[in-house]
C-alpha cells in the first residue's frame, strides 16, 4: 500500500469525499474492536449521481496520486450504498436516506471516532 499508513489513507479518503461535497464524513477506528479493517470511512450523498462522483473521485485520486487500487468495490449508485475496500480501510458511501437505516455508526459505537 505504498508509503501510506492506514490512518493516513483513511484521512485521504475523508478529504476526497469532502472534495465531492459528501455529507457528515467520519472515520471510525476499528483497530481495537475488530479485525475487519483498521478504519471505516462513512459519508453520505444526496443523490445517486453524487454517490457515483464521490466513489469515482476517490478511486481516481488514490490511483493517480498514490498508485492505490481498491481490492473490491461493491454496490452501485442505484443501490444507494457503495463500499470501497482498500484492505485496511473500508469506505461506505450512503445515500442520505439509507445511512440512518443501516446506522453503521451505532453498530460500531465502541469504535473511536478520528478527528
PDB file of N, CA and C in Angstrom:
ATOM      1  N   UNK A   1       0.838  -1.190   0.000  1.00  0.00           N
ATOM      2  CA  UNK A   1       0.000   0.000   0.000  1.00  0.00           C
ATOM      3  C   UNK A   1       0.877   1.245   0.000  1.00  0.00           C
ATOM      4  N   UNK A   2       1.767   1.361  -0.886  1.00  0.00           N
ATOM      5  CA  UNK A   2       2.713   2.482  -0.965  1.00  0.00           C
ATOM      6  C   UNK A   2       3.229   2.833   0.428  1.00  0.00           C
ATOM      7  N   UNK A   3       3.535   4.105   0.669  1.00  0.00           N
ATOM      8  CA  UNK A   3       4.091   4.512   1.963  1.00  0.00           C
ATOM      9  C   UNK A   3       3.003   5.026   2.913  1.00  0.00           C
ATOM     10  N   UNK A   4       1.756   4.887   2.542  1.00  0.00           N
ATOM     11  CA  UNK A   4       0.666   5.387   3.367  1.00  0.00           C
ATOM     12  C   UNK A   4       0.367   4.437   4.525  1.00  0.00           C
ATOM     13  N   UNK A   5       0.187   5.010   5.697  1.00  0.00           N
ATOM     14  CA  UNK A   5      -0.334   4.223   6.808  1.00  0.00           C
ATOM     15  C   UNK A   5      -1.844   4.106   6.618  1.00  0.00           C
ATOM     16  N   UNK A   6      -2.460   3.177   7.314  1.00  0.00           N
ATOM     17  CA  UNK A   6      -3.907   3.038   7.189  1.00  0.00           C
ATOM     18  C   UNK A   6      -4.627   4.291   7.694  1.00  0.00           C
ATOM     19  N   UNK A   7      -4.095   4.945   8.721  1.00  0.00           N
ATOM     20  CA  UNK A   7      -4.701   6.180   9.213  1.00  0.00           C
ATOM     21  C   UNK A   7      -4.621   7.289   8.166  1.00  0.00           C
ATOM     22  N   UNK A   8      -3.469   7.445   7.538  1.00  0.00           N
ATOM     23  CA  UNK A   8      -3.310   8.471   6.501  1.00  0.00           C
ATOM     24  C   UNK A   8      -4.247   8.183   5.326  1.00  0.00           C
ATOM     25  N   UNK A   9      -4.375   6.910   4.950  1.00  0.00           N
ATOM     26  CA  UNK A   9      -5.279   6.541   3.868  1.00  0.00           C
ATOM     27  C   UNK A   9      -6.721   6.889   4.234  1.00  0.00           C
ATOM     28  N   UNK A  10      -7.130   6.592   5.455  1.00  0.00           N
ATOM     29  CA  UNK A  10      -8.486   6.917   5.895  1.00  0.00           C
ATOM     30  C   UNK A  10      -8.732   8.427   5.840  1.00  0.00           C
ATOM     31  N   UNK A  11      -7.742   9.199   6.276  1.00  0.00           N
ATOM     32  CA  UNK A  11      -7.890  10.659   6.241  1.00  0.00           C
ATOM     33  C   UNK A  11      -7.951  11.177   4.809  1.00  0.00           C
ATOM     34  N   UNK A  12      -7.165  10.587   3.913  1.00  0.00           N
ATOM     35  CA  UNK A  12      -7.234  10.975   2.499  1.00  0.00           C
ATOM     36  C   UNK A  12      -8.616  10.665   1.924  1.00  0.00           C
ATOM     37  N   UNK A  13      -9.149   9.491   2.247  1.00  0.00           N
ATOM     38  CA  UNK A  13     -10.476   9.128   1.760  1.00  0.00           C
ATOM     39  C   UNK A  13     -11.528  10.119   2.248  1.00  0.00           C
ATOM     40  N   UNK A  14     -11.423  10.514   3.510  1.00  0.00           N
ATOM     41  CA  UNK A  14     -12.368  11.504   4.037  1.00  0.00           C
ATOM     42  C   UNK A  14     -12.223  12.832   3.295  1.00  0.00           C
ATOM     43  N   UNK A  15     -10.993  13.256   3.050  1.00  0.00           N
ATOM     44  CA  UNK A  15     -10.750  14.503   2.325  1.00  0.00           C
ATOM     45  C   UNK A  15     -11.311  14.441   0.908  1.00  0.00           C
ATOM     46  N   UNK A  16     -11.080  13.332   0.213  1.00  0.00           N
ATOM     47  CA  UNK A  16     -11.597  13.200  -1.150  1.00  0.00           C
ATOM     48  C   UNK A  16     -13.116  13.184  -1.164  1.00  0.00           C
ATOM     49  N   UNK A  17     -13.741  12.591  -0.146  1.00  0.00           N
ATOM     50  CA  UNK A  17     -15.202  12.622  -0.032  1.00  0.00           C
ATOM     51  C   UNK A  17     -15.681  14.057   0.188  1.00  0.00           C
ATOM     52  N   UNK A  18     -14.986  14.784   1.064  1.00  0.00           N
ATOM     53  CA  UNK A  18     -15.341  16.188   1.318  1.00  0.00           C
ATOM     54  C   UNK A  18     -15.200  17.024   0.048  1.00  0.00           C
ATOM     55  N   UNK A  19     -14.196  16.719  -0.764  1.00  0.00           N
ATOM     56  CA  UNK A  19     -13.997  17.452  -2.020  1.00  0.00           C
ATOM     57  C   UNK A  19     -15.196  17.314  -2.957  1.00  0.00           C
ATOM     58  N   UNK A  20     -15.922  16.214  -2.833  1.00  0.00           N
ATOM     59  CA  UNK A  20     -17.117  15.975  -3.659  1.00  0.00           C
ATOM     60  C   UNK A  20     -18.396  16.313  -2.902  1.00  0.00           C
ATOM     61  N   UNK A  21     -18.236  17.110  -1.849  1.00  0.00           N
ATOM     62  CA  UNK A  21     -19.371  17.615  -1.053  1.00  0.00           C
ATOM     63  C   UNK A  21     -20.154  16.521  -0.332  1.00  0.00           C
ATOM     64  N   UNK A  22     -19.467  15.451   0.081  1.00  0.00           N
ATOM     65  CA  UNK A  22     -20.112  14.412   0.883  1.00  0.00           C
ATOM     66  C   UNK A  22     -20.576  15.007   2.202  1.00  0.00           C
ATOM     67  N   UNK A  23     -21.665  14.481   2.714  1.00  0.00           N
ATOM     68  CA  UNK A  23     -22.215  14.964   3.979  1.00  0.00           C
ATOM     69  C   UNK A  23     -21.693  14.129   5.146  1.00  0.00           C
ATOM     70  N   UNK A  24     -21.420  14.795   6.238  1.00  0.00           N
ATOM     71  CA  UNK A  24     -21.048  14.162   7.509  1.00  0.00           C
ATOM     72  C   UNK A  24     -20.007  13.045   7.386  1.00  0.00           C
ATOM     73  N   UNK A  25     -18.885  13.318   6.705  1.00  0.00           N
ATOM     74  CA  UNK A  25     -17.869  12.261   6.624  1.00  0.00           C
ATOM     75  C   UNK A  25     -17.218  12.037   7.986  1.00  0.00           C
ATOM     76  N   UNK A  26     -17.025  10.772   8.329  1.00  0.00           N
ATOM     77  CA  UNK A  26     -16.364  10.461   9.594  1.00  0.00           C
ATOM     78  C   UNK A  26     -15.496   9.224   9.425  1.00  0.00           C
ATOM     79  N   UNK A  27     -14.560   9.090  10.346  1.00  0.00           N
ATOM     80  CA  UNK A  27     -13.666   7.936  10.371  1.00  0.00           C
ATOM     81  C   UNK A  27     -13.858   7.228  11.700  1.00  0.00           C
ATOM     82  N   UNK A  28     -14.076   5.911  11.627  1.00  0.00           N
ATOM     83  CA  UNK A  28     -14.144   5.088  12.833  1.00  0.00           C
ATOM     84  C   UNK A  28     -12.872   4.250  12.910  1.00  0.00           C
ATOM     85  N   UNK A  29     -12.226   4.271  14.075  1.00  0.00           N
ATOM     86  CA  UNK A  29     -11.015   3.492  14.318  1.00  0.00           C
ATOM     87  C   UNK A  29     -11.432   2.121  14.872  1.00  0.00           C
ATOM     88  N   UNK A  30     -11.281   1.094  14.060  1.00  0.00           N
ATOM     89  CA  UNK A  30     -11.709  -0.252  14.440  1.00  0.00           C
ATOM     90  C   UNK A  30     -10.577  -1.122  14.964  1.00  0.00           C
ATOM     91  N   UNK A  31      -9.383  -0.580  15.055  1.00  0.00           N
ATOM     92  CA  UNK A  31      -8.216  -1.410  15.378  1.00  0.00           C
ATOM     93  C   UNK A  31      -8.349  -2.158  16.696  1.00  0.00           C
ATOM     94  N   UNK A  32      -9.020  -1.587  17.682  1.00  0.00           N
ATOM     95  CA  UNK A  32      -9.141  -2.254  18.986  1.00  0.00           C
ATOM     96  C   UNK A  32     -10.420  -3.080  19.123  1.00  0.00           C
ATOM     97  N   UNK A  33     -11.308  -2.993  18.124  1.00  0.00           N
ATOM     98  CA  UNK A  33     -12.597  -3.663  18.273  1.00  0.00           C
ATOM     99  C   UNK A  33     -12.922  -4.687  17.188  1.00  0.00           C
ATOM    100  N   UNK A  34     -12.127  -4.747  16.109  1.00  0.00           N
ATOM    101  CA  UNK A  34     -12.456  -5.660  15.028  1.00  0.00           C
ATOM    102  C   UNK A  34     -11.238  -5.953  14.155  1.00  0.00           C
ATOM    103  N   UNK A  35     -11.276  -7.101  13.510  1.00  0.00           N
ATOM    104  CA  UNK A  35     -10.226  -7.451  12.546  1.00  0.00           C
ATOM    105  C   UNK A  35     -10.705  -7.235  11.107  1.00  0.00           C
ATOM    106  N   UNK A  36     -11.916  -6.717  10.946  1.00  0.00           N
ATOM    107  CA  UNK A  36     -12.477  -6.481   9.615  1.00  0.00           C
ATOM    108  C   UNK A  36     -11.621  -5.500   8.825  1.00  0.00           C
ATOM    109  N   UNK A  37     -11.248  -4.420   9.446  1.00  0.00           N
ATOM    110  CA  UNK A  37     -10.426  -3.368   8.844  1.00  0.00           C
ATOM    111  C   UNK A  37      -9.874  -2.521   9.986  1.00  0.00           C
ATOM    112  N   UNK A  38      -8.894  -1.693   9.664  1.00  0.00           N
ATOM    113  CA  UNK A  38      -8.386  -0.763  10.672  1.00  0.00           C
ATOM    114  C   UNK A  38      -9.330   0.428  10.847  1.00  0.00           C
ATOM    115  N   UNK A  39      -9.885   0.894   9.713  1.00  0.00           N
ATOM    116  CA  UNK A  39     -10.739   2.085   9.737  1.00  0.00           C
ATOM    117  C   UNK A  39     -11.910   1.932   8.780  1.00  0.00           C
ATOM    118  N   UNK A  40     -13.048   2.501   9.172  1.00  0.00           N
ATOM    119  CA  UNK A  40     -14.179   2.727   8.274  1.00  0.00           C
ATOM    120  C   UNK A  40     -14.239   4.226   8.027  1.00  0.00           C
ATOM    121  N   UNK A  41     -14.447   4.597   6.784  1.00  0.00           N
ATOM    122  CA  UNK A  41     -14.788   5.971   6.440  1.00  0.00           C
ATOM    123  C   UNK A  41     -16.247   5.914   5.994  1.00  0.00           C
ATOM    124  N   UNK A  42     -17.078   6.723   6.614  1.00  0.00           N
ATOM    125  CA  UNK A  42     -18.510   6.715   6.322  1.00  0.00           C
ATOM    126  C   UNK A  42     -18.926   8.123   5.925  1.00  0.00           C
ATOM    127  N   UNK A  43     -19.701   8.211   4.838  1.00  0.00           N
ATOM    128  CA  UNK A  43     -20.207   9.518   4.410  1.00  0.00           C
ATOM    129  C   UNK A  43     -21.525   9.330   3.672  1.00  0.00           C
ATOM    130  N   UNK A  44     -22.179  10.442   3.384  1.00  0.00           N
ATOM    131  CA  UNK A  44     -23.479  10.426   2.715  1.00  0.00           C
ATOM    132  C   UNK A  44     -23.462  11.301   1.475  1.00  0.00           C
ATOM    133  N   UNK A  45     -24.364  10.956   0.563  1.00  0.00           N
ATOM    134  CA  UNK A  45     -24.575  11.746  -0.655  1.00  0.00           C
ATOM    135  C   UNK A  45     -26.069  12.011  -0.794  1.00  0.00           C
ATOM    136  N   UNK A  46     -26.409  13.128  -1.403  1.00  0.00           N
ATOM    137  CA  UNK A  46     -27.814  13.497  -1.537  1.00  0.00           C
ATOM    138  C   UNK A  46     -28.492  12.903  -2.765  1.00  0.00           C
ATOM    139  N   UNK A  47     -27.699  12.332  -3.682  1.00  0.00           N
ATOM    140  CA  UNK A  47     -28.284  11.793  -4.912  1.00  0.00           C
ATOM    141  C   UNK A  47     -27.423  10.644  -5.438  1.00  0.00           C
ATOM    142  N   UNK A  48     -27.985   9.885  -6.343  1.00  0.00           N
ATOM    143  CA  UNK A  48     -27.233   8.793  -6.956  1.00  0.00           C
ATOM    144  C   UNK A  48     -26.045   9.312  -7.771  1.00  0.00           C
ATOM    145  N   UNK A  49     -26.209  10.403  -8.549  1.00  0.00           N
ATOM    146  CA  UNK A  49     -25.033  10.931  -9.251  1.00  0.00           C
ATOM    147  C   UNK A  49     -23.919  11.368  -8.286  1.00  0.00           C
ATOM    148  N   UNK A  50     -24.284  11.918  -7.143  1.00  0.00           N
ATOM    149  CA  UNK A  50     -23.264  12.314  -6.172  1.00  0.00           C
ATOM    150  C   UNK A  50     -22.581  11.091  -5.565  1.00  0.00           C
ATOM    151  N   UNK A  51     -23.336  10.024  -5.300  1.00  0.00           N
ATOM    152  CA  UNK A  51     -22.734   8.765  -4.828  1.00  0.00           C
ATOM    153  C   UNK A  51     -21.642   8.322  -5.800  1.00  0.00           C
ATOM    154  N   UNK A  52     -21.985   8.319  -7.071  1.00  0.00           N
ATOM    155  CA  UNK A  52     -21.041   7.897  -8.112  1.00  0.00           C
ATOM    156  C   UNK A  52     -19.845   8.831  -8.171  1.00  0.00           C
ATOM    157  N   UNK A  53     -20.087  10.125  -8.068  1.00  0.00           N
ATOM    158  CA  UNK A  53     -18.996  11.109  -8.131  1.00  0.00           C
ATOM    159  C   UNK A  53     -18.032  10.944  -6.957  1.00  0.00           C
ATOM    160  N   UNK A  54     -18.552  10.695  -5.773  1.00  0.00           N
ATOM    161  CA  UNK A  54     -17.689  10.503  -4.605  1.00  0.00           C
ATOM    162  C   UNK A  54     -16.833   9.258  -4.791  1.00  0.00           C
ATOM    163  N   UNK A  55     -17.464   8.151  -5.157  1.00  0.00           N
ATOM    164  CA  UNK A  55     -16.733   6.886  -5.331  1.00  0.00           C
ATOM    165  C   UNK A  55     -15.696   6.996  -6.446  1.00  0.00           C
ATOM    166  N   UNK A  56     -16.103   7.498  -7.606  1.00  0.00           N
ATOM    167  CA  UNK A  56     -15.177   7.601  -8.735  1.00  0.00           C
ATOM    168  C   UNK A  56     -14.047   8.581  -8.461  1.00  0.00           C
ATOM    169  N   UNK A  57     -14.371   9.698  -7.818  1.00  0.00           N
ATOM    170  CA  UNK A  57     -13.349  10.691  -7.499  1.00  0.00           C
ATOM    171  C   UNK A  57     -12.307  10.140  -6.542  1.00  0.00           C
ATOM    172  N   UNK A  58     -12.769   9.419  -5.537  1.00  0.00           N
ATOM    173  CA  UNK A  58     -11.860   8.831  -4.559  1.00  0.00           C
ATOM    174  C   UNK A  58     -10.943   7.795  -5.219  1.00  0.00           C
ATOM    175  N   UNK A  59     -11.540   6.915  -6.022  1.00  0.00           N
ATOM    176  CA  UNK A  59     -10.740   5.895  -6.704  1.00  0.00           C
ATOM    177  C   UNK A  59      -9.703   6.537  -7.625  1.00  0.00           C
ATOM    178  N   UNK A  60     -10.103   7.563  -8.361  1.00  0.00           N
ATOM    179  CA  UNK A  60      -9.176   8.237  -9.288  1.00  0.00           C
ATOM    180  C   UNK A  60      -8.039   8.920  -8.541  1.00  0.00           C
ATOM    181  N   UNK A  61      -8.349   9.648  -7.477  1.00  0.00           N
ATOM    182  CA  UNK A  61      -7.319  10.349  -6.707  1.00  0.00           C
ATOM    183  C   UNK A  61      -6.300   9.379  -6.116  1.00  0.00           C
ATOM    184  N   UNK A  62      -6.784   8.270  -5.575  1.00  0.00           N
ATOM    185  CA  UNK A  62      -5.867   7.302  -4.950  1.00  0.00           C
ATOM    186  C   UNK A  62      -5.053   6.552  -5.999  1.00  0.00           C
ATOM    187  N   UNK A  63      -5.653   6.306  -7.155  1.00  0.00           N
ATOM    188  CA  UNK A  63      -4.918   5.633  -8.230  1.00  0.00           C
ATOM    189  C   UNK A  63      -3.862   6.567  -8.816  1.00  0.00           C
ATOM    190  N   UNK A  64      -4.276   7.780  -9.174  1.00  0.00           N
ATOM    191  CA  UNK A  64      -3.367   8.731  -9.830  1.00  0.00           C
ATOM    192  C   UNK A  64      -2.293   9.256  -8.883  1.00  0.00           C
ATOM    193  N   UNK A  65      -2.673   9.554  -7.651  1.00  0.00           N
ATOM    194  CA  UNK A  65      -1.741  10.175  -6.729  1.00  0.00           C
ATOM    195  C   UNK A  65      -0.883   9.215  -5.928  1.00  0.00           C
ATOM    196  N   UNK A  66      -1.392   7.982  -5.732  1.00  0.00           N
ATOM    197  CA  UNK A  66      -0.703   7.065  -4.824  1.00  0.00           C
ATOM    198  C   UNK A  66      -0.527   5.650  -5.387  1.00  0.00           C
ATOM    199  N   UNK A  67      -1.025   5.421  -6.588  1.00  0.00           N
ATOM    200  CA  UNK A  67      -0.918   4.096  -7.188  1.00  0.00           C
ATOM    201  C   UNK A  67      -1.725   3.034  -6.462  1.00  0.00           C
ATOM    202  N   UNK A  68      -2.773   3.449  -5.758  1.00  0.00           N
ATOM    203  CA  UNK A  68      -3.600   2.509  -4.987  1.00  0.00           C
ATOM    204  C   UNK A  68      -4.886   2.173  -5.732  1.00  0.00           C
ATOM    205  N   UNK A  69      -5.191   0.901  -5.742  1.00  0.00           N
ATOM    206  CA  UNK A  69      -6.424   0.414  -6.345  1.00  0.00           C
ATOM    207  C   UNK A  69      -7.214  -0.318  -5.268  1.00  0.00           C
ATOM    208  N   UNK A  70      -8.539  -0.215  -5.310  1.00  0.00           N
ATOM    209  CA  UNK A  70      -9.323  -0.943  -4.312  1.00  0.00           C
ATOM    210  C   UNK A  70      -9.210  -2.453  -4.520  1.00  0.00           C
ATOM    211  N   UNK A  71      -9.284  -3.190  -3.428  1.00  0.00           N
ATOM    212  CA  UNK A  71      -9.309  -4.646  -3.514  1.00  0.00           C
ATOM    213  C   UNK A  71     -10.663  -5.118  -4.023  1.00  0.00           C
ATOM    214  N   UNK A  72     -11.691  -4.345  -3.707  1.00  0.00           N
ATOM    215  CA  UNK A  72     -13.045  -4.666  -4.159  1.00  0.00           C
ATOM    216  C   UNK A  72     -13.913  -3.416  -4.070  1.00  0.00           C
ATOM    217  N   UNK A  73     -14.920  -3.376  -4.917  1.00  0.00           N
ATOM    218  CA  UNK A  73     -15.943  -2.336  -4.864  1.00  0.00           C
ATOM    219  C   UNK A  73     -17.279  -3.058  -4.964  1.00  0.00           C
ATOM    220  N   UNK A  74     -18.185  -2.760  -4.050  1.00  0.00           N
ATOM    221  CA  UNK A  74     -19.481  -3.416  -4.065  1.00  0.00           C
ATOM    222  C   UNK A  74     -20.566  -2.358  -4.012  1.00  0.00           C
ATOM    223  N   UNK A  75     -21.681  -2.648  -4.652  1.00  0.00           N
ATOM    224  CA  UNK A  75     -22.780  -1.699  -4.708  1.00  0.00           C
ATOM    225  C   UNK A  75     -22.636  -0.798  -5.917  1.00  0.00           C
ATOM    226  N   UNK A  76     -23.633   0.007  -6.135  1.00  0.00           N
ATOM    227  CA  UNK A  76     -23.642   0.946  -7.243  1.00  0.00           C
ATOM    228  C   UNK A  76     -24.644   2.035  -6.898  1.00  0.00           C
ATOM    229  N   UNK A  77     -24.627   3.143  -7.622  1.00  0.00           N
ATOM    230  CA  UNK A  77     -25.483   4.261  -7.223  1.00  0.00           C
ATOM    231  C   UNK A  77     -26.950   3.888  -7.013  1.00  0.00           C
ATOM    232  N   UNK A  78     -27.494   3.017  -7.849  1.00  0.00           N
ATOM    233  CA  UNK A  78     -28.917   2.662  -7.697  1.00  0.00           C
ATOM    234  C   UNK A  78     -29.192   1.908  -6.401  1.00  0.00           C
ATOM    235  N   UNK A  79     -28.188   1.218  -5.852  1.00  0.00           N
ATOM    236  CA  UNK A  79     -28.384   0.519  -4.577  1.00  0.00           C
ATOM    237  C   UNK A  79     -28.337   1.486  -3.395  1.00  0.00           C
ATOM    238  N   UNK A  80     -27.844   2.693  -3.648  1.00  0.00           N
ATOM    239  CA  UNK A  80     -27.742   3.767  -2.658  1.00  0.00           C
ATOM    240  C   UNK A  80     -26.758   3.459  -1.532  1.00  0.00           C
ATOM    241  N   UNK A  81     -25.826   2.543  -1.798  1.00  0.00           N
ATOM    242  CA  UNK A  81     -24.751   2.228  -0.852  1.00  0.00           C
ATOM    243  C   UNK A  81     -23.601   1.642  -1.647  1.00  0.00           C
ATOM    244  N   UNK A  82     -22.460   2.290  -1.589  1.00  0.00           N
ATOM    245  CA  UNK A  82     -21.257   1.800  -2.261  1.00  0.00           C
ATOM    246  C   UNK A  82     -20.193   1.570  -1.194  1.00  0.00           C
ATOM    247  N   UNK A  83     -19.534   0.414  -1.261  1.00  0.00           N
ATOM    248  CA  UNK A  83     -18.435   0.098  -0.356  1.00  0.00           C
ATOM    249  C   UNK A  83     -17.172  -0.065  -1.190  1.00  0.00           C
ATOM    250  N   UNK A  84     -16.135   0.667  -0.814  1.00  0.00           N
ATOM    251  CA  UNK A  84     -14.841   0.560  -1.483  1.00  0.00           C
ATOM    252  C   UNK A  84     -13.863   0.007  -0.458  1.00  0.00           C
ATOM    253  N   UNK A  85     -13.268  -1.134  -0.790  1.00  0.00           N
ATOM    254  CA  UNK A  85     -12.393  -1.842   0.147  1.00  0.00           C
ATOM    255  C   UNK A  85     -10.928  -1.649  -0.249  1.00  0.00           C
ATOM    256  N   UNK A  86     -10.199  -0.937   0.597  1.00  0.00           N
ATOM    257  CA  UNK A  86      -8.760  -0.756   0.404  1.00  0.00           C
ATOM    258  C   UNK A  86      -7.971  -1.616   1.394  1.00  0.00           C
ATOM    259  N   UNK A  87      -8.556  -2.707   1.839  1.00  0.00           N
ATOM    260  CA  UNK A  87      -7.871  -3.613   2.761  1.00  0.00           C
ATOM    261  C   UNK A  87      -7.990  -3.144   4.195  1.00  0.00           C
ATOM    262  N   UNK A  88      -7.113  -2.259   4.596  1.00  0.00           N
ATOM    263  CA  UNK A  88      -7.143  -1.760   5.974  1.00  0.00           C
ATOM    264  C   UNK A  88      -8.173  -0.647   6.169  1.00  0.00           C
ATOM    265  N   UNK A  89      -8.663  -0.107   5.062  1.00  0.00           N
ATOM    266  CA  UNK A  89      -9.655   0.974   5.115  1.00  0.00           C
ATOM    267  C   UNK A  89     -10.835   0.600   4.213  1.00  0.00           C
ATOM    268  N   UNK A  90     -12.031   0.652   4.791  1.00  0.00           N
ATOM    269  CA  UNK A  90     -13.250   0.419   4.017  1.00  0.00           C
ATOM    270  C   UNK A  90     -14.067   1.708   4.014  1.00  0.00           C
ATOM    271  N   UNK A  91     -14.446   2.127   2.817  1.00  0.00           N
ATOM    272  CA  UNK A  91     -15.207   3.357   2.651  1.00  0.00           C
ATOM    273  C   UNK A  91     -16.661   2.995   2.352  1.00  0.00           C
ATOM    274  N   UNK A  92     -17.577   3.548   3.144  1.00  0.00           N
ATOM    275  CA  UNK A  92     -19.017   3.328   2.967  1.00  0.00           C
ATOM    276  C   UNK A  92     -19.629   4.660   2.549  1.00  0.00           C
ATOM    277  N   UNK A  93     -20.204   4.680   1.351  1.00  0.00           N
ATOM    278  CA  UNK A  93     -20.859   5.885   0.838  1.00  0.00           C
ATOM    279  C   UNK A  93     -22.348   5.565   0.713  1.00  0.00           C
ATOM    280  N   UNK A  94     -23.148   6.242   1.518  1.00  0.00           N
ATOM    281  CA  UNK A  94     -24.583   6.004   1.564  1.00  0.00           C
ATOM    282  C   UNK A  94     -25.349   7.163   0.953  1.00  0.00           C
ATOM    283  N   UNK A  95     -26.512   6.880   0.393  1.00  0.00           N
ATOM    284  CA  UNK A  95     -27.484   7.924   0.117  1.00  0.00           C
ATOM    285  C   UNK A  95     -27.985   8.373   1.487  1.00  0.00           C
ATOM    286  N   UNK A  96     -28.264   9.647   1.650  1.00  0.00           N
ATOM    287  CA  UNK A  96     -28.686  10.149   2.964  1.00  0.00           C
ATOM    288  C   UNK A  96     -29.892   9.381   3.515  1.00  0.00           C
ATOM    289  N   UNK A  97     -30.762   8.893   2.636  1.00  0.00           N
ATOM    290  CA  UNK A  97     -31.948   8.159   3.095  1.00  0.00           C
ATOM    291  C   UNK A  97     -31.608   6.765   3.615  1.00  0.00           C
ATOM    292  N   UNK A  98     -30.454   6.230   3.283  1.00  0.00           N
ATOM    293  CA  UNK A  98     -30.066   4.877   3.708  1.00  0.00           C
ATOM    294  C   UNK A  98     -29.106   4.862   4.896  1.00  0.00           C
ATOM    295  N   UNK A  99     -28.359   5.920   5.081  1.00  0.00           N
ATOM    296  CA  UNK A  99     -27.335   5.921   6.135  1.00  0.00           C
ATOM    297  C   UNK A  99     -27.935   5.663   7.513  1.00  0.00           C
ATOM    298  N   UNK A 100     -29.002   6.333   7.849  1.00  0.00           N
ATOM    299  CA  UNK A 100     -29.642   6.137   9.142  1.00  0.00           C
ATOM    300  C   UNK A 100     -30.245   4.750   9.286  1.00  0.00           C
ATOM    301  N   UNK A 101     -30.728   4.207   8.184  1.00  0.00           N
ATOM    302  CA  UNK A 101     -31.324   2.867   8.210  1.00  0.00           C
ATOM    303  C   UNK A 101     -30.294   1.814   8.603  1.00  0.00           C
ATOM    304  N   UNK A 102     -29.113   1.881   8.014  1.00  0.00           N
ATOM    305  CA  UNK A 102     -28.069   0.900   8.311  1.00  0.00           C
ATOM    306  C   UNK A 102     -27.265   1.272   9.554  1.00  0.00           C
ATOM    307  N   UNK A 103     -27.171   2.535   9.835  1.00  0.00           N
ATOM    308  CA  UNK A 103     -26.609   3.063  11.083  1.00  0.00           C
ATOM    309  C   UNK A 103     -25.306   2.396  11.529  1.00  0.00           C
ATOM    310  N   UNK A 104     -24.318   2.403  10.652  1.00  0.00           N
ATOM    311  CA  UNK A 104     -23.026   1.794  10.994  1.00  0.00           C
ATOM    312  C   UNK A 104     -22.376   2.466  12.196  1.00  0.00           C
ATOM    313  N   UNK A 105     -22.622   3.767  12.351  1.00  0.00           N
ATOM    314  CA  UNK A 105     -22.056   4.471  13.497  1.00  0.00           C
ATOM    315  C   UNK A 105     -22.556   3.869  14.811  1.00  0.00           C
ATOM    316  N   UNK A 106     -23.828   3.468  14.855  1.00  0.00           N
ATOM    317  CA  UNK A 106     -24.383   2.844  16.056  1.00  0.00           C
ATOM    318  C   UNK A 106     -23.906   1.402  16.194  1.00  0.00           C
ATOM    319  N   UNK A 107     -23.871   0.689  15.086  1.00  0.00           N
ATOM    320  CA  UNK A 107     -23.424  -0.706  15.103  1.00  0.00           C
ATOM    321  C   UNK A 107     -21.994  -0.802  15.634  1.00  0.00           C
ATOM    322  N   UNK A 108     -21.148   0.149  15.254  1.00  0.00           N
ATOM    323  CA  UNK A 108     -19.753   0.178  15.666  1.00  0.00           C
ATOM    324  C   UNK A 108     -19.530   1.274  16.706  1.00  0.00           C
ATOM    325  N   UNK A 109     -20.468   1.454  17.614  1.00  0.00           N
ATOM    326  CA  UNK A 109     -20.392   2.545  18.591  1.00  0.00           C
ATOM    327  C   UNK A 109     -19.213   2.408  19.549  1.00  0.00           C
ATOM    328  N   UNK A 110     -18.652   1.208  19.661  1.00  0.00           N
ATOM    329  CA  UNK A 110     -17.498   1.037  20.536  1.00  0.00           C
ATOM    330  C   UNK A 110     -16.192   1.436  19.839  1.00  0.00           C
ATOM    331  N   UNK A 111     -16.261   1.780  18.567  1.00  0.00           N
ATOM    332  CA  UNK A 111     -15.083   2.255  17.834  1.00  0.00           C
ATOM    333  C   UNK A 111     -14.900   3.758  18.086  1.00  0.00           C
ATOM    334  N   UNK A 112     -13.675   4.160  18.215  1.00  0.00           N
ATOM    335  CA  UNK A 112     -13.356   5.568  18.456  1.00  0.00           C
ATOM    336  C   UNK A 112     -13.453   6.354  17.149  1.00  0.00           C
ATOM    337  N   UNK A 113     -13.965   7.579  17.225  1.00  0.00           N
ATOM    338  CA  UNK A 113     -14.004   8.462  16.059  1.00  0.00           C
ATOM    339  C   UNK A 113     -12.694   9.202  15.936  1.00  0.00           C
ATOM    340  N   UNK A 114     -12.213   9.339  14.703  1.00  0.00           N
ATOM    341  CA  UNK A 114     -10.964  10.035  14.423  1.00  0.00           C
ATOM    342  C   UNK A 114     -11.283  11.453  14.003  1.00  0.00           C
ATOM    343  N   UNK A 115     -10.606  12.415  14.648  1.00  0.00           N
ATOM    344  CA  UNK A 115     -10.822  13.834  14.303  1.00  0.00           C
ATOM    345  C   UNK A 115     -10.054  14.211  13.065  1.00  0.00           C
TER     346      UNK A 115
END
